Amino acid sequence: MSDLGDWLAGVFGRRPRDLAPYERALTHGSQAKANYERLEFLGDRVLGLIVAEWLYELFATDPEGSLSKRLNALVTGPVCAEVARELGVRAHLKLGKQARDDGASDSDNVLGDVMEALIGAWYQEAGLDAARAFVRGAWGDRVQAGAKAPQHPKSALQEWAAAHNRKPPEYTIVERTGPGHAPKFTMLVSIGKLAEATATGSSKQEAETAAAKALLEKLG
């Protein structure tokens, strides 16, 4: 308990009054019914609001579409998981044996959800201003990365197909493996008979995005 409190003090700037919500935020469904899912639901919305507000301030001339692209790039599971790794979340995860054996401690899905759950717990205790200060500190320079709003690979591939008078990209599940808490999806994306690519991810969306990126690289 003291180790957790000390770690949280380093993460948030002070020791939380009650460690119980943070223990729950770090608990996977394979370990207990009282897990991170409800706090993740809350934290996801808090994170979205804070980042949207931040982008609105920073990019005063960006239209809504560009702001949405920036937002989507900053609140994805892989980015949340990256922040979680930087903060040392993995050492404090509570996982069932099977989940540990299946590598859930390094899953972008799990780490991303836990990061959002921790934001939810901190927001509940300390309020929006404190949550804002934490997110801005933890996300740091990521929000400024690139002067131009990033183009999502799936959107870019859709635009490429339209510009070259090709059929829209089609996505197909090739394979789903792994247990329920740590699935692996292999997705195929194709543009008619012109070209195709496959990729694997921990969610359908992640695998589709990776496949679209791979196909764009093929198409040059």
C-alpha atoms as a PDB file:
ATOM      1  CA  MET A   1       0.000   0.000   0.000  1.00  0.00           C
ATOM      2  CA  SER A   2       2.810   2.430   0.891  1.00  0.00           C
ATOM      3  CA  ASP A   3       4.594   1.630  -2.387  1.00  0.00           C
ATOM      4  CA  LEU A   4       1.410   2.376  -4.322  1.00  0.00           C
ATOM      5  CA  GLY A   5       0.868   5.613  -2.413  1.00  0.00           C
ATOM      6  CA  ASP A   6       4.440   6.731  -3.038  1.00  0.00           C
ATOM      7  CA  TRP A   7       4.173   5.926  -6.723  1.00  0.00           C
ATOM      8  CA  LEU A   8       0.861   7.787  -7.071  1.00  0.00           C
ATOM      9  CA  ALA A   9       2.384  10.786  -5.269  1.00  0.00           C
ATOM     10  CA  GLY A  10       5.069  10.847  -7.940  1.00  0.00           C
ATOM     11  CA  VAL A  11       2.523  10.503 -10.743  1.00  0.00           C
ATOM     12  CA  PHE A  12      -0.021  13.072  -9.563  1.00  0.00           C
ATOM     13  CA  GLY A  13       2.082  15.394  -7.416  1.00  0.00           C
ATOM     14  CA  ARG A  14       0.622  14.402  -4.070  1.00  0.00           C
ATOM     15  CA  ARG A  15      -0.484  11.278  -2.262  1.00  0.00           C
ATOM     16  CA  PRO A  16      -4.204  10.513  -2.787  1.00  0.00           C
ATOM     17  CA  ARG A  17      -6.417  10.635   0.277  1.00  0.00           C
ATOM     18  CA  ASP A  18      -7.913   7.214  -0.470  1.00  0.00           C
ATOM     19  CA  LEU A  19      -5.971   4.562  -2.373  1.00  0.00           C
ATOM     20  CA  ALA A  20      -8.974   2.309  -3.002  1.00  0.00           C
ATOM     21  CA  PRO A  21     -10.140   3.949  -6.282  1.00  0.00           C
ATOM     22  CA  TYR A  22      -6.605   3.759  -7.656  1.00  0.00           C
ATOM     23  CA  GLU A  23      -6.288   0.108  -6.676  1.00  0.00           C
ATOM     24  CA  ARG A  24      -9.488  -0.491  -8.598  1.00  0.00           C
ATOM     25  CA  ALA A  25      -8.170   1.492 -11.582  1.00  0.00           C
ATOM     26  CA  LEU A  26      -5.154  -0.828 -11.683  1.00  0.00           C
ATOM     27  CA  THR A  27      -7.197  -4.044 -11.392  1.00  0.00           C
ATOM     28  CA  HIS A  28      -7.937  -6.078 -14.516  1.00  0.00           C
ATOM     29  CA  GLY A  29     -11.191  -8.012 -14.932  1.00  0.00           C
ATOM     30  CA  SER A  30      -9.254 -11.276 -14.697  1.00  0.00           C
ATOM     31  CA  GLN A  31      -8.345 -10.421 -11.114  1.00  0.00           C
ATOM     32  CA  ALA A  32     -11.600  -9.159  -9.600  1.00  0.00           C
ATOM     33  CA  LYS A  33     -15.139  -8.044 -10.389  1.00  0.00           C
ATOM     34  CA  ALA A  34     -14.263  -4.639  -8.917  1.00  0.00           C
ATOM     35  CA  ASN A  35     -12.016  -3.706 -11.830  1.00  0.00           C
ATOM     36  CA  TYR A  36     -11.081  -0.644 -13.850  1.00  0.00           C
ATOM     37  CA  GLU A  37     -13.936  -0.675 -16.360  1.00  0.00           C
ATOM     38  CA  ARG A  38     -16.244   1.920 -14.763  1.00  0.00           C
ATOM     39  CA  LEU A  39     -13.384   4.301 -14.012  1.00  0.00           C
ATOM     40  CA  GLU A  40     -12.066   3.810 -17.548  1.00  0.00           C
ATOM     41  CA  PHE A  41     -15.475   4.892 -18.895  1.00  0.00           C
ATOM     42  CA  LEU A  42     -15.247   8.105 -16.870  1.00  0.00           C
ATOM     43  CA  GLY A  43     -11.570   8.766 -17.558  1.00  0.00           C
ATOM     44  CA  ASP A  44     -12.036   8.344 -21.301  1.00  0.00           C
ATOM     45  CA  ARG A  45     -14.539  11.215 -21.334  1.00  0.00           C
ATOM     46  CA  VAL A  46     -12.433  13.395 -19.046  1.00  0.00           C
ATOM     47  CA  LEU A  47      -9.364  12.856 -21.226  1.00  0.00           C
ATOM     48  CA  GLY A  48     -11.329  13.696 -24.372  1.00  0.00           C
ATOM     49  CA  LEU A  49     -12.622  16.945 -22.873  1.00  0.00           C
ATOM     50  CA  ILE A  50      -9.209  18.041 -21.617  1.00  0.00           C
ATOM     51  CA  VAL A  51      -7.447  17.316 -24.893  1.00  0.00           C
ATOM     52  CA  ALA A  52     -10.248  18.936 -26.940  1.00  0.00           C
ATOM     53  CA  GLU A  53     -10.027  22.072 -24.808  1.00  0.00           C
ATOM     54  CA  TRP A  54      -6.221  22.074 -25.082  1.00  0.00           C
ATOM     55  CA  LEU A  55      -6.274  21.752 -28.867  1.00  0.00           C
ATOM     56  CA  TYR A  56      -8.932  24.476 -29.138  1.00  0.00           C
ATOM     57  CA  GLU A  57      -6.563  26.841 -27.306  1.00  0.00           C
ATOM     58  CA  LEU A  58      -3.380  25.874 -29.150  1.00  0.00           C
ATOM     59  CA  PHE A  59      -4.639  25.699 -32.731  1.00  0.00           C
ATOM     60  CA  ALA A  60      -6.859  28.755 -32.932  1.00  0.00           C
ATOM     61  CA  THR A  61      -7.083  28.732 -36.735  1.00  0.00           C
ATOM     62  CA  ASP A  62      -7.660  25.009 -37.263  1.00  0.00           C
ATOM     63  CA  PRO A  63     -11.100  24.025 -38.586  1.00  0.00           C
ATOM     64  CA  GLU A  64     -13.191  21.394 -36.821  1.00  0.00           C
ATOM     65  CA  GLY A  65     -11.956  18.601 -39.088  1.00  0.00           C
ATOM     66  CA  SER A  66      -8.300  19.247 -38.270  1.00  0.00           C
ATOM     67  CA  LEU A  67      -9.026  19.518 -34.567  1.00  0.00           C
ATOM     68  CA  SER A  68     -10.852  16.171 -34.708  1.00  0.00           C
ATOM     69  CA  LYS A  69      -7.882  14.531 -36.419  1.00  0.00           C
ATOM     70  CA  ARG A  70      -5.539  15.864 -33.751  1.00  0.00           C
ATOM     71  CA  LEU A  71      -7.876  14.734 -30.976  1.00  0.00           C
ATOM     72  CA  ASN A  72      -8.256  11.237 -32.392  1.00  0.00           C
ATOM     73  CA  ALA A  73      -4.480  10.882 -32.699  1.00  0.00           C
ATOM     74  CA  LEU A  74      -3.889  11.886 -29.065  1.00  0.00           C
ATOM     75  CA  VAL A  75      -6.503   9.833 -27.206  1.00  0.00           C
ATOM     76  CA  THR A  76      -6.017   6.459 -28.907  1.00  0.00           C
ATOM     77  CA  GLY A  77      -5.301   3.344 -26.875  1.00  0.00           C
ATOM     78  CA  PRO A  78      -1.669   3.097 -28.053  1.00  0.00           C
ATOM     79  CA  VAL A  79      -0.934   6.689 -26.975  1.00  0.00           C
ATOM     80  CA  CYS A  80      -2.579   6.145 -23.579  1.00  0.00           C
ATOM     81  CA  ALA A  81      -0.567   2.915 -23.248  1.00  0.00           C
ATOM     82  CA  GLU A  82       2.638   4.756 -24.134  1.00  0.00           C
ATOM     83  CA  VAL A  83       1.972   7.292 -21.371  1.00  0.00           C
ATOM     84  CA  ALA A  84       1.167   4.445 -18.962  1.00  0.00           C
ATOM     85  CA  ARG A  85       4.517   2.780 -19.704  1.00  0.00           C
ATOM     86  CA  GLU A  86       6.372   6.051 -19.176  1.00  0.00           C
ATOM     87  CA  LEU A  87       4.721   6.476 -15.768  1.00  0.00           C
ATOM     88  CA  GLY A  88       5.518   2.926 -14.645  1.00  0.00           C
ATOM     89  CA  VAL A  89       1.949   1.624 -14.588  1.00  0.00           C
ATOM     90  CA  ARG A  90       2.964  -1.931 -15.493  1.00  0.00           C
ATOM     91  CA  ALA A  91       4.644  -2.545 -12.122  1.00  0.00           C
ATOM     92  CA  HIS A  92       1.375  -1.839 -10.305  1.00  0.00           C
ATOM     93  CA  LEU A  93      -1.120  -3.769 -12.443  1.00  0.00           C
ATOM     94  CA  LYS A  94      -3.248  -6.418 -10.756  1.00  0.00           C
ATOM     95  CA  LEU A  95      -3.793  -9.282 -13.177  1.00  0.00           C
ATOM     96  CA  GLY A  96      -5.060 -12.822 -12.915  1.00  0.00           C
ATOM     97  CA  LYS A  97      -2.523 -15.566 -13.614  1.00  0.00           C
ATOM     98  CA  GLN A  98      -3.865 -16.371 -17.065  1.00  0.00           C
ATOM     99  CA  ALA A  99      -3.859 -12.703 -18.058  1.00  0.00           C
ATOM    100  CA  ARG A 100      -0.245 -12.381 -16.905  1.00  0.00           C
ATOM    101  CA  ASP A 101       0.715 -15.504 -18.831  1.00  0.00           C
ATOM    102  CA  ASP A 102      -0.991 -14.101 -21.931  1.00  0.00           C
ATOM    103  CA  GLY A 103       1.035 -10.885 -21.758  1.00  0.00           C
ATOM    104  CA  ALA A 104      -1.738  -8.542 -20.662  1.00  0.00           C
ATOM    105  CA  SER A 105       0.790  -6.459 -18.716  1.00  0.00           C
ATOM    106  CA  ASP A 106       2.142  -5.151 -22.022  1.00  0.00           C
ATOM    107  CA  SER A 107      -1.142  -4.997 -23.938  1.00  0.00           C
ATOM    108  CA  ASP A 108      -1.971  -1.594 -25.417  1.00  0.00           C
ATOM    109  CA  ASN A 109      -5.645  -2.329 -24.750  1.00  0.00           C
ATOM    110  CA  VAL A 110      -5.085  -3.031 -21.055  1.00  0.00           C
ATOM    111  CA  LEU A 111      -2.535  -0.282 -20.406  1.00  0.00           C
ATOM    112  CA  GLY A 112      -4.589   2.265 -22.335  1.00  0.00           C
ATOM    113  CA  ASP A 113      -7.732   1.434 -20.383  1.00  0.00           C
ATOM    114  CA  VAL A 114      -5.870   1.540 -17.071  1.00  0.00           C
ATOM    115  CA  MET A 115      -4.413   4.945 -17.916  1.00  0.00           C
ATOM    116  CA  GLU A 116      -7.900   6.277 -18.554  1.00  0.00           C
ATOM    117  CA  ALA A 117      -9.144   4.661 -15.329  1.00  0.00           C
ATOM    118  CA  LEU A 118      -6.396   6.403 -13.353  1.00  0.00           C
ATOM    119  CA  ILE A 119      -7.415   9.716 -14.913  1.00  0.00           C
ATOM    120  CA  GLY A 120     -10.996   8.962 -13.877  1.00  0.00           C
ATOM    121  CA  ALA A 121      -9.944   8.241 -10.288  1.00  0.00           C
ATOM    122  CA  TRP A 122      -7.836  11.390 -10.080  1.00  0.00           C
ATOM    123  CA  TYR A 123     -10.639  13.503 -11.564  1.00  0.00           C
ATOM    124  CA  GLN A 124     -13.107  12.147  -9.002  1.00  0.00           C
ATOM    125  CA  GLU A 125     -10.797  13.013  -6.145  1.00  0.00           C
ATOM    126  CA  ALA A 126      -9.146  16.238  -7.230  1.00  0.00           C
ATOM    127  CA  GLY A 127     -11.450  17.761  -9.849  1.00  0.00           C
ATOM    128  CA  LEU A 128     -11.091  18.988 -13.398  1.00  0.00           C
ATOM    129  CA  ASP A 129      -8.282  21.497 -12.824  1.00  0.00           C
ATOM    130  CA  ALA A 130      -6.041  18.838 -11.294  1.00  0.00           C
ATOM    131  CA  ALA A 131      -6.934  16.338 -14.015  1.00  0.00           C
ATOM    132  CA  ARG A 132      -6.126  18.965 -16.643  1.00  0.00           C
ATOM    133  CA  ALA A 133      -2.729  19.682 -15.075  1.00  0.00           C
ATOM    134  CA  PHE A 134      -1.918  15.972 -14.994  1.00  0.00           C
ATOM    135  CA  VAL A 135      -2.926  15.274 -18.618  1.00  0.00           C
ATOM    136  CA  ARG A 136      -1.071  18.291 -19.955  1.00  0.00           C
ATOM    137  CA  GLY A 137       2.046  17.251 -18.080  1.00  0.00           C
ATOM    138  CA  ALA A 138       1.828  13.568 -19.012  1.00  0.00           C
ATOM    139  CA  TRP A 139       0.978  14.119 -22.697  1.00  0.00           C
ATOM    140  CA  GLY A 140       3.517  16.945 -22.957  1.00  0.00           C
ATOM    141  CA  ASP A 141       4.946  17.646 -26.401  1.00  0.00           C
ATOM    142  CA  ARG A 142       2.722  15.061 -28.075  1.00  0.00           C
ATOM    143  CA  VAL A 143       0.056  17.701 -28.516  1.00  0.00           C
ATOM    144  CA  GLN A 144       2.418  19.873 -30.558  1.00  0.00           C
ATOM    145  CA  ALA A 145       3.787  17.065 -32.738  1.00  0.00           C
ATOM    146  CA  GLY A 146       3.622  18.236 -36.333  1.00  0.00           C
ATOM    147  CA  ALA A 147       2.358  21.595 -37.487  1.00  0.00           C
ATOM    148  CA  LYS A 148      -0.152  19.855 -39.733  1.00  0.00           C
ATOM    149  CA  ALA A 149      -3.004  17.799 -38.316  1.00  0.00           C
ATOM    150  CA  PRO A 150      -2.200  14.105 -38.766  1.00  0.00           C
ATOM    151  CA  GLN A 151      -4.170  12.179 -41.355  1.00  0.00           C
ATOM    152  CA  HIS A 152      -5.549   8.891 -40.075  1.00  0.00           C
ATOM    153  CA  PRO A 153      -4.294   6.019 -42.302  1.00  0.00           C
ATOM    154  CA  LYS A 154      -7.825   4.769 -43.019  1.00  0.00           C
ATOM    155  CA  SER A 155      -8.954   8.242 -44.102  1.00  0.00           C
ATOM    156  CA  ALA A 156      -5.802   8.701 -46.179  1.00  0.00           C
ATOM    157  CA  LEU A 157      -6.364   5.356 -47.924  1.00  0.00           C
ATOM    158  CA  GLN A 158     -10.003   6.230 -48.610  1.00  0.00           C
ATOM    159  CA  GLU A 159      -8.908   9.530 -50.161  1.00  0.00           C
ATOM    160  CA  TRP A 160      -6.212   7.802 -52.243  1.00  0.00           C
ATOM    161  CA  ALA A 161      -8.775   5.382 -53.664  1.00  0.00           C
ATOM    162  CA  ALA A 162     -11.182   8.184 -54.543  1.00  0.00           C
ATOM    163  CA  ALA A 163      -8.446  10.288 -56.130  1.00  0.00           C
ATOM    164  CA  HIS A 164      -7.381   7.358 -58.327  1.00  0.00           C
ATOM    165  CA  ASN A 165     -10.933   6.345 -59.285  1.00  0.00           C
ATOM    166  CA  ARG A 166     -10.663   3.050 -57.417  1.00  0.00           C
ATOM    167  CA  LYS A 167     -13.175   1.159 -55.315  1.00  0.00           C
ATOM    168  CA  PRO A 168     -13.269   2.121 -51.635  1.00  0.00           C
ATOM    169  CA  PRO A 169     -11.010   0.037 -49.366  1.00  0.00           C
ATOM    170  CA  GLU A 170     -12.590  -3.136 -47.997  1.00  0.00           C
ATOM    171  CA  TYR A 171     -11.592  -4.593 -44.614  1.00  0.00           C
ATOM    172  CA  THR A 172     -11.924  -8.286 -43.791  1.00  0.00           C
ATOM    173  CA  ILE A 173     -11.107 -10.258 -40.647  1.00  0.00           C
ATOM    174  CA  VAL A 174      -8.528 -12.906 -41.514  1.00  0.00           C
ATOM    175  CA  GLU A 175      -8.094 -14.332 -38.023  1.00  0.00           C
ATOM    176  CA  ARG A 176      -8.940 -13.725 -34.388  1.00  0.00           C
ATOM    177  CA  THR A 177      -6.764 -15.395 -31.786  1.00  0.00           C
ATOM    178  CA  GLY A 178      -5.959 -15.104 -28.099  1.00  0.00           C
ATOM    179  CA  PRO A 179      -8.156 -15.033 -24.985  1.00  0.00           C
ATOM    180  CA  GLY A 180     -10.985 -12.580 -24.472  1.00  0.00           C
ATOM    181  CA  HIS A 181      -8.937 -10.189 -22.373  1.00  0.00           C
ATOM    182  CA  ALA A 182      -5.989 -10.102 -24.815  1.00  0.00           C
ATOM    183  CA  PRO A 183      -7.291 -10.752 -28.332  1.00  0.00           C
ATOM    184  CA  LYS A 184      -5.284 -10.492 -31.528  1.00  0.00           C
ATOM    185  CA  PHE A 185      -6.957  -9.545 -34.801  1.00  0.00           C
ATOM    186  CA  THR A 186      -5.467  -9.977 -38.258  1.00  0.00           C
ATOM    187  CA  MET A 187      -7.177  -7.768 -40.827  1.00  0.00           C
ATOM    188  CA  LEU A 188      -6.907  -7.672 -44.610  1.00  0.00           C
ATOM    189  CA  VAL A 189      -7.505  -4.446 -46.504  1.00  0.00           C
ATOM    190  CA  SER A 190      -7.861  -4.436 -50.266  1.00  0.00           C
ATOM    191  CA  ILE A 191      -8.649  -1.971 -53.037  1.00  0.00           C
ATOM    192  CA  GLY A 192     -10.405  -4.107 -55.617  1.00  0.00           C
ATOM    193  CA  LYS A 193      -7.842  -6.361 -57.262  1.00  0.00           C
ATOM    194  CA  LEU A 194      -5.198  -3.629 -57.324  1.00  0.00           C
ATOM    195  CA  ALA A 195      -3.435  -4.251 -54.030  1.00  0.00           C
ATOM    196  CA  GLU A 196      -3.896  -5.592 -50.516  1.00  0.00           C
ATOM    197  CA  ALA A 197      -2.126  -5.722 -47.164  1.00  0.00           C
ATOM    198  CA  THR A 198      -2.593  -7.427 -43.811  1.00  0.00           C
ATOM    199  CA  ALA A 199      -1.708  -6.416 -40.274  1.00  0.00           C
ATOM    200  CA  THR A 200      -2.313  -7.573 -36.722  1.00  0.00           C
ATOM    201  CA  GLY A 201      -3.463  -5.596 -33.690  1.00  0.00           C
ATOM    202  CA  SER A 202      -5.036  -5.970 -30.280  1.00  0.00           C
ATOM    203  CA  SER A 203      -8.368  -4.645 -31.599  1.00  0.00           C
ATOM    204  CA  LYS A 204     -10.091  -4.616 -34.986  1.00  0.00           C
ATOM    205  CA  GLN A 205      -9.606  -0.867 -35.213  1.00  0.00           C
ATOM    206  CA  GLU A 206      -5.905  -1.099 -34.432  1.00  0.00           C
ATOM    207  CA  ALA A 207      -5.407  -3.894 -36.981  1.00  0.00           C
ATOM    208  CA  GLU A 208      -7.390  -2.033 -39.659  1.00  0.00           C
ATOM    209  CA  THR A 209      -5.327   1.100 -39.068  1.00  0.00           C
ATOM    210  CA  ALA A 210      -2.066  -0.837 -39.332  1.00  0.00           C
ATOM    211  CA  ALA A 211      -3.255  -2.592 -42.488  1.00  0.00           C
ATOM    212  CA  ALA A 212      -4.271   0.710 -44.089  1.00  0.00           C
ATOM    213  CA  LYS A 213      -0.861   2.168 -43.249  1.00  0.00           C
ATOM    214  CA  ALA A 214       0.874  -0.869 -44.764  1.00  0.00           C
ATOM    215  CA  LEU A 215      -1.167  -0.614 -47.958  1.00  0.00           C
ATOM    216  CA  LEU A 216      -0.457   3.111 -48.289  1.00  0.00           C
ATOM    217  CA  GLU A 217       3.255   2.329 -48.071  1.00  0.00           C
ATOM    218  CA  LYS A 218       2.845  -0.278 -50.827  1.00  0.00           C
ATOM    219  CA  LEU A 219       1.028   2.183 -53.024  1.00  0.00           C
ATOM    220  CA  GLY A 220       3.822   4.709 -52.543  1.00  0.00           C
END
